[in-house]
Amino acid sequence: MRWENLTAESGRGGADAALFGADAVTTRTFDSPEFRGITFHEVRARSIINRVPGASRMPFEWTVNPYRGCTHACVYCFARKTHSYLDLDTGLGFDSQIVVKVNAPDLLRRQLGSRRWLGEHIAMGTNVDCYQRAEGRYRLMPGILAALRDHANPFSILTKGTLILRDLDLLVQASQVTDVGISVSVGFTDSELWRTVEPGTPAPERRLDVVRTLGEHGIDCGVLMAPVLPFLSDHPDRLRDTVRAIAASGATSVTPLVLHLRPGAREWFMAWLGHHHPHLVRRYERLYAEGAYAPKWYQRRITRQVHDLAQEYGMGPTRAGMPRRIPATMEADPAGAEAPEPVQLTLL
């Protein structure tokens, strides 16, 4: 494994590449059912606030990602490619080889207290989920949220993890002193599809319970309806079922995002598709023949359908002036600083 890719001596990306040194890595496994087969690489990061490149169309400029790799094991995850920068496998390795920045809370508190930090919005969950299963053991987020609260620093979180409710008190406290935006990712509600395509995540209905609970405690929560899977979750009846359930949860907004297949994720997803839905392989090859993104006409159709359903169920799109949301995903560059994905269509 090329840990030297992320050291000062690697020469990749200048000073920003020096995220941690090879001598700062401790590898652990835990013999418990929830972590069996998972290897954790504990590192001491040199920086935790990552700047989004200036050319990005993201509505935020800074991110914090305490983990690399994700036990959610979503077969479509765009971030799989980032594991190749460490010479780790982008398939099973991404699901089971988890890099943990164990000093993230202390490092964040120190960086927030720097006179150079201007208190700008910080987005979390933009690379891999900060409330994935590993967070249950390492408990990095309480310290991160406490630091943001104590500095009254605005932030947002995108997650599929119900573990966020463990930190409900901290979220409420933070929302009393700064702007807090929470989005939960629920692309579909079909239980059979969920079990095969997102095997390590909580069930969609449990995620919508998170939306409901947050709302009951005065924290508005939007839903990122992502990904919409062509020919699997895009039938009008399935879109209706999903939007109806999202509306019933009390979500403040819904934003659809059609599946995109970047290198690393594309190979893994297509292998899964060939195993579970071989009759769809040729259709996907044609739909994504021009690159990672579905054609604009298809994206517009899905957006229009979800938009109409949202209006029917009394919901609307995210609008200017509403609490800040996470409308799209981001992926890391080879130097370790997260680079943005283009913003796909939202309900605007």
Foldseek 3Di string as FASTA:
>chain_A
DPPVLQCCVNPPPHPLSHQFDPVFWDKDFDPDVVQPQAIEIEGATPAFWFAADPVAPFPFGIEGEQKFAALLQQLQQPQLVQVVLRVAASHVRSNHYMYGNLCNLVRLLVVLPDPPDPLGEYEYCQRHAPQGPVCVPSVPVVSNLVSCQVSLRHYEYEHLAPCVVVCLVSVLSSVVRHFYAYEYEAQFQDQVVCCQRRVRGPHNLSSLLSQLVSVVSPHAYAYENPAQEPPPQQDLVRLLVGLLSNLVSVHQAYWYHYRFHAPSSNVSVLVSCCVPPVVCNVVVCVQQVPHRDGDPVVLVVSLVSNQVSCVVSPHAHDDPPDRDHGQHHWYADSSGRIYGDHRGDTRD
